[in-house]
Structures are given as structure tokens and as C-alpha cells.
Amino acid sequence: MTDLHDATRFAVYFVPPAGSAEYELGSDLLGYDLRARAARPLPDFLRPEWQAVASPYGFHLTVVEGFYTDPERLGDIERETRACLACLAPGADVGLEGGHIEVWDEGETWVQRFTPSPALLVLHTLLLARLARFVTASPFAGEVAAGHYGRPFEQARMDLLHTPRGLDSFQPHFTLVQPYGGDQPEVLQARLEALTRPHARLTPASLCLCLKPQGESHWQVLREFPLQHA
């Protein structure tokens, strides 16, 4: 049996442009620059152990989950992604709005969550449905086996799409801290809210096919696809 910890993974992410204010902020918070594949020093109010889970992914917003795949299918995944993006009408609004801080997982995970535009929700659904056939294993398999995501619609999603999340319950977000282990959550919330407030609305100019190669600990950008706007 393949050790999934060492298997190749792929995902479709929105990664803000290098040098943009939101990308620089997110990369600083996580202590990792996804585009440059380089570590960054953390701000003084965060500790490395509080970013042990989030940092290797880099600053990103998930459009399609980080599934496992056969590395020989990466070319097919890239072609299918391009085909899906080509279906989006020029000028479609793929924006994100209403960005705000939420705390998940009993205080462990801190995110900036957004509301997706209808066109972005359609694009998420199309990509998830079309790329599911290249999935060899799901990162949610262990949680499902442990009894999580047990509602019938979640089971149906796992059977069909290898994830219990997304679709009409899509919650686009940037993970900012994970796993938080401090004892001053009010202070952390105030800092994150102040830092992210200028970036409450974003319009992706591109999506990225990202990869975590076999045996690697960090994610990287494999291909970037521009989105057409009016």
C-alpha cells in the first residue's frame, strides 16, 4: 500500500500575485513564500509551532482540494484545468467579498473567510467535478473512517468527488494560523482583523495548479492560468 504521506498531491488554488499587499501579508504570517519556495521570518506575535500545519501550504485559497494523484496524470490534470477555465465567459465576476476573520476547530484554525461570487462558485464546482477522476486517494479518508462527515450528503460527495466539502457549502478562505496554541485569542483576533481589513474584497486574476511532490514537505506552484476579465 502506498504511504499517502509520501504520495504526490495536486490542488487548484487562488494565490495572489507576488508583491501584492495581500500576498506579502499572508506569506509573512505563514512564514513561507509559496511562489518563491522560501521561508520567511514570522511576525513577533506568532510562533513557529502555531504555523506547523498551515505554513507548508503557503498563502492560498483552495478552489479544489489537495488530492492525491498519480504523477503521470499531472499533464492530464493541467489540460483539464485549462479546458474548464476556457468555459468561463469573458468578463465573468469571479470575485471574493465580505472577507472576515473566523475561528474554526475549537480555536485551533484561524482563517479569513469570503463569500464567493456566483461565477466563482460555478467554476469551483466545474473544476471539482472534472478533476475528481484523477484522484487516487482523498485527504479526508481518515476523518471519514473515524466517523466525521457522516451526514448522507457528505457521504455522497465522498463517493462521487472524494471530498465531503464544497459545492453549495463552499467556504473559500485563506488559512492564517494553524494550529494556534496560545492563551490570548482576543489579542490574536484583533491583530489579524486589523491586518486583513484592507483586503476584504479580492478579484483573482489567475488560478494556480499547485503540487506537493512525492517526498516533499512543502507545496509549490506548478502552473498558473490567467482568468479573463472585461
Protein backbone atom coordinates (compact mmCIF):
# COMPACT_ATOMS: atom_id res chain seq x y z
CA MET A 1 0.00 0.00 0.00
CA THR A 2 1.28 3.47 -0.90
CA ASP A 3 2.21 5.68 2.03
CA LEU A 4 0.00 8.71 1.47
CA HIS A 5 2.36 10.92 3.42
CA ASP A 6 4.87 10.46 0.58
CA ALA A 7 2.43 10.45 -2.35
CA THR A 8 2.07 13.24 -4.92
CA ARG A 9 -0.74 15.72 -4.32
CA PHE A 10 -2.32 18.36 -6.54
CA ALA A 11 -4.72 21.22 -5.92
CA VAL A 12 -6.17 24.27 -7.63
CA TYR A 13 -5.54 27.39 -5.56
CA PHE A 14 -6.02 31.10 -5.86
CA VAL A 15 -2.61 32.53 -4.98
CA PRO A 16 -2.47 36.34 -5.02
CA PRO A 17 0.23 37.88 -7.20
CA ALA A 18 3.75 38.08 -5.86
CA GLY A 19 4.40 41.54 -4.47
CA SER A 20 0.73 42.31 -3.86
CA ALA A 21 -0.14 43.57 -0.39
CA GLU A 22 -2.36 40.60 0.44
CA TYR A 23 0.25 38.08 -0.73
CA GLU A 24 3.07 39.70 1.20
CA LEU A 25 0.92 39.83 4.34
CA GLY A 26 -0.17 36.20 4.08
CA SER A 27 3.32 34.92 3.33
CA ASP A 28 4.71 36.83 6.29
CA LEU A 29 2.04 35.42 8.60
CA LEU A 30 2.72 31.85 7.48
CA GLY A 31 6.50 32.17 7.38
CA TYR A 32 6.64 30.68 3.89
CA ASP A 33 6.62 32.17 0.39
CA LEU A 34 4.78 29.68 -1.83
CA ARG A 35 5.82 31.31 -5.09
CA ALA A 36 9.49 31.68 -4.16
CA ARG A 37 9.57 28.37 -2.24
CA ALA A 38 11.37 30.14 0.56
CA ALA A 39 10.99 30.56 4.31
CA ARG A 40 10.23 33.95 5.82
CA PRO A 41 10.63 35.17 9.40
CA LEU A 42 7.39 35.16 11.35
CA PRO A 43 6.00 38.34 12.92
CA ASP A 44 6.74 38.70 16.61
CA PHE A 45 3.19 37.79 17.70
CA LEU A 46 3.33 34.31 16.14
CA ARG A 47 5.38 31.22 17.00
CA PRO A 48 6.65 28.57 14.56
CA GLU A 49 4.67 25.82 16.28
CA TRP A 50 1.47 27.77 15.69
CA GLN A 51 2.06 27.56 11.94
CA ALA A 52 3.29 23.98 11.71
CA VAL A 53 0.21 22.86 9.74
CA ALA A 54 -0.52 25.99 7.70
CA SER A 55 2.97 27.09 6.71
CA PRO A 56 3.89 24.26 4.27
CA TYR A 57 0.87 25.10 2.11
CA GLY A 58 1.79 28.75 1.66
CA PHE A 59 -0.72 31.56 1.34
CA HIS A 60 -3.57 30.31 -0.81
CA LEU A 61 -7.32 29.99 -1.14
CA THR A 62 -8.48 26.49 -2.07
CA VAL A 63 -10.68 26.08 -5.14
CA VAL A 64 -10.08 22.31 -5.49
CA GLU A 65 -8.80 20.29 -2.50
CA GLY A 66 -5.28 18.91 -2.26
CA PHE A 67 -5.98 15.41 -3.54
CA TYR A 68 -3.56 12.55 -4.12
CA THR A 69 -2.85 11.50 -7.69
CA ASP A 70 -0.56 9.51 -9.94
CA PRO A 71 2.22 11.91 -11.01
CA GLU A 72 1.89 10.58 -14.55
CA ARG A 73 -1.57 12.20 -14.69
CA LEU A 74 -0.35 15.73 -13.95
CA GLY A 75 -0.31 16.58 -17.65
CA ASP A 76 -3.93 15.43 -17.96
CA ILE A 77 -4.87 17.46 -14.87
CA GLU A 78 -3.28 20.56 -16.38
CA ARG A 79 -5.11 20.11 -19.69
CA GLU A 80 -8.43 19.53 -17.93
CA THR A 81 -7.93 22.62 -15.77
CA ARG A 82 -7.25 24.74 -18.85
CA ALA A 83 -10.36 23.33 -20.54
CA CYS A 84 -12.53 24.18 -17.53
CA LEU A 85 -11.21 27.73 -17.28
CA ALA A 86 -11.84 28.23 -21.00
CA CYS A 87 -15.55 27.64 -20.35
CA LEU A 88 -15.79 30.75 -18.18
CA ALA A 89 -17.36 33.67 -20.08
CA PRO A 90 -15.08 36.69 -20.60
CA GLY A 91 -15.84 39.33 -18.00
CA ALA A 92 -17.34 36.86 -15.52
CA ASP A 93 -17.16 38.15 -11.96
CA VAL A 94 -15.04 35.65 -10.04
CA GLY A 95 -14.64 37.94 -7.07
CA LEU A 96 -14.49 37.27 -3.35
CA GLU A 97 -16.12 39.66 -0.91
CA GLY A 98 -17.00 40.03 2.75
CA GLY A 99 -13.60 38.89 3.98
CA HIS A 100 -13.58 38.48 7.76
CA ILE A 101 -11.80 36.50 10.45
CA GLU A 102 -13.33 33.23 11.64
CA VAL A 103 -12.02 30.72 14.18
CA TRP A 104 -12.52 27.01 13.48
CA ASP A 105 -11.59 23.69 15.06
CA GLU A 106 -12.22 24.79 18.66
CA GLY A 107 -9.83 27.71 18.39
CA GLU A 108 -7.05 25.95 16.52
CA THR A 109 -7.57 27.29 12.99
CA TRP A 110 -7.82 30.99 12.13
CA VAL A 111 -8.99 31.96 8.65
CA GLN A 112 -10.03 34.91 6.57
CA ARG A 113 -13.28 33.69 5.06
CA PHE A 114 -15.03 35.14 2.00
CA THR A 115 -18.30 34.88 0.12
CA PRO A 116 -17.73 33.68 -3.47
CA SER A 117 -19.42 35.27 -6.47
CA PRO A 118 -21.86 33.02 -8.38
CA ALA A 119 -19.32 32.64 -11.20
CA LEU A 120 -16.57 31.56 -8.80
CA LEU A 121 -18.92 29.02 -7.23
CA VAL A 122 -19.71 27.64 -10.69
CA LEU A 123 -16.00 27.45 -11.53
CA HIS A 124 -15.24 25.66 -8.25
CA THR A 125 -18.00 23.13 -8.95
CA LEU A 126 -16.90 22.51 -12.55
CA LEU A 127 -13.24 22.03 -11.61
CA LEU A 128 -14.04 19.74 -8.70
CA ALA A 129 -16.33 17.57 -10.81
CA ARG A 130 -13.97 17.32 -13.77
CA LEU A 131 -10.76 16.72 -11.80
CA ALA A 132 -12.26 14.07 -9.48
CA ARG A 133 -11.44 11.31 -11.99
CA PHE A 134 -7.72 11.90 -11.50
CA VAL A 135 -7.89 11.40 -7.71
CA THR A 136 -6.27 8.24 -6.35
CA ALA A 137 -6.91 8.96 -2.65
CA SER A 138 -8.61 11.59 -0.53
CA PRO A 139 -7.08 13.58 2.35
CA PHE A 140 -10.44 13.18 4.10
CA ALA A 141 -10.44 9.37 4.12
CA GLY A 142 -9.08 9.13 7.66
CA GLU A 143 -11.59 11.59 9.07
CA VAL A 144 -14.47 9.80 7.35
CA ALA A 145 -13.25 6.45 8.69
CA ALA A 146 -13.17 7.99 12.18
CA GLY A 147 -16.82 8.91 11.92
CA HIS A 148 -16.58 12.52 10.80
CA TYR A 149 -18.55 13.85 7.85
CA GLY A 150 -21.19 11.19 8.37
CA ARG A 151 -24.24 13.01 7.02
CA PRO A 152 -25.76 11.42 3.90
CA PHE A 153 -24.92 14.30 1.56
CA GLU A 154 -21.33 14.28 2.81
CA GLN A 155 -21.07 10.55 2.17
CA ALA A 156 -22.48 11.08 -1.32
CA ARG A 157 -19.87 13.74 -2.00
CA MET A 158 -17.09 11.47 -0.79
CA ASP A 159 -18.28 8.67 -3.05
CA LEU A 160 -18.54 10.91 -6.10
CA LEU A 161 -15.96 13.68 -5.58
CA HIS A 162 -13.59 12.41 -2.85
CA THR A 163 -14.41 15.32 -0.53
CA PRO A 164 -17.31 15.98 1.84
CA ARG A 165 -16.85 19.74 1.45
CA GLY A 166 -17.51 22.37 -1.19
CA LEU A 167 -20.31 22.78 -3.72
CA ASP A 168 -23.23 24.65 -2.14
CA SER A 169 -21.34 24.76 1.18
CA PHE A 170 -18.13 26.11 -0.39
CA GLN A 171 -16.33 28.31 2.17
CA PRO A 172 -13.43 29.99 0.37
CA HIS A 173 -10.80 31.16 2.84
CA PHE A 174 -7.15 31.85 3.50
CA THR A 175 -5.79 29.93 6.47
CA LEU A 176 -3.79 32.41 8.53
CA VAL A 177 -2.82 30.45 11.66
CA GLN A 178 -2.89 26.70 12.35
CA PRO A 179 -2.60 25.25 14.96
CA TYR A 180 -2.88 28.15 17.38
CA GLY A 181 -1.73 27.15 20.85
CA GLY A 182 -1.63 30.50 22.64
CA ASP A 183 -3.73 31.76 25.50
CA GLN A 184 -4.60 35.23 24.17
CA PRO A 185 -7.06 34.63 21.33
CA GLU A 186 -8.58 38.11 21.73
CA VAL A 187 -5.20 39.68 21.02
CA LEU A 188 -4.63 37.45 18.00
CA GLN A 189 -8.07 38.23 16.62
CA ALA A 190 -7.51 41.97 16.96
CA ARG A 191 -4.16 41.74 15.16
CA LEU A 192 -5.50 39.61 12.32
CA GLU A 193 -8.60 41.74 11.86
CA ALA A 194 -6.53 44.92 11.64
CA LEU A 195 -4.08 43.39 9.17
CA THR A 196 -6.67 41.81 6.85
CA ARG A 197 -9.31 44.56 6.89
CA PRO A 198 -7.89 46.29 3.78
CA HIS A 199 -8.26 43.03 1.83
CA ALA A 200 -11.94 42.27 2.41
CA ARG A 201 -12.65 42.08 -1.33
CA LEU A 202 -10.39 40.39 -3.88
CA THR A 203 -10.73 39.54 -7.57
CA PRO A 204 -8.49 36.66 -8.70
CA ALA A 205 -6.58 37.38 -11.90
CA SER A 206 -5.39 33.78 -12.16
CA LEU A 207 -5.65 30.34 -10.61
CA CYS A 208 -2.71 28.06 -9.90
CA LEU A 209 -2.28 24.33 -10.29
CA CYS A 210 -0.21 23.53 -7.21
CA LEU A 211 1.76 20.44 -6.35
CA LYS A 212 3.22 18.74 -3.33
CA PRO A 213 5.68 16.30 -4.93
CA GLN A 214 6.33 12.88 -3.53
CA GLY A 215 8.64 13.09 -0.54
CA GLU A 216 8.46 16.91 -0.29
CA SER A 217 7.17 18.75 2.79
CA HIS A 218 6.01 21.99 1.12
CA TRP A 219 3.68 22.90 -1.70
CA GLN A 220 4.76 24.72 -4.86
CA VAL A 221 3.14 26.37 -7.87
CA LEU A 222 3.31 24.10 -10.92
CA ARG A 223 1.32 26.15 -13.47
CA GLU A 224 -0.57 29.44 -13.43
CA PHE A 225 -3.63 30.12 -15.57
CA PRO A 226 -4.87 33.67 -16.21
CA LEU A 227 -8.58 34.39 -15.87
CA GLN A 228 -10.28 36.65 -18.40
CA HIS A 229 -11.94 39.79 -17.10
CA ALA A 230 -13.74 42.51 -19.02
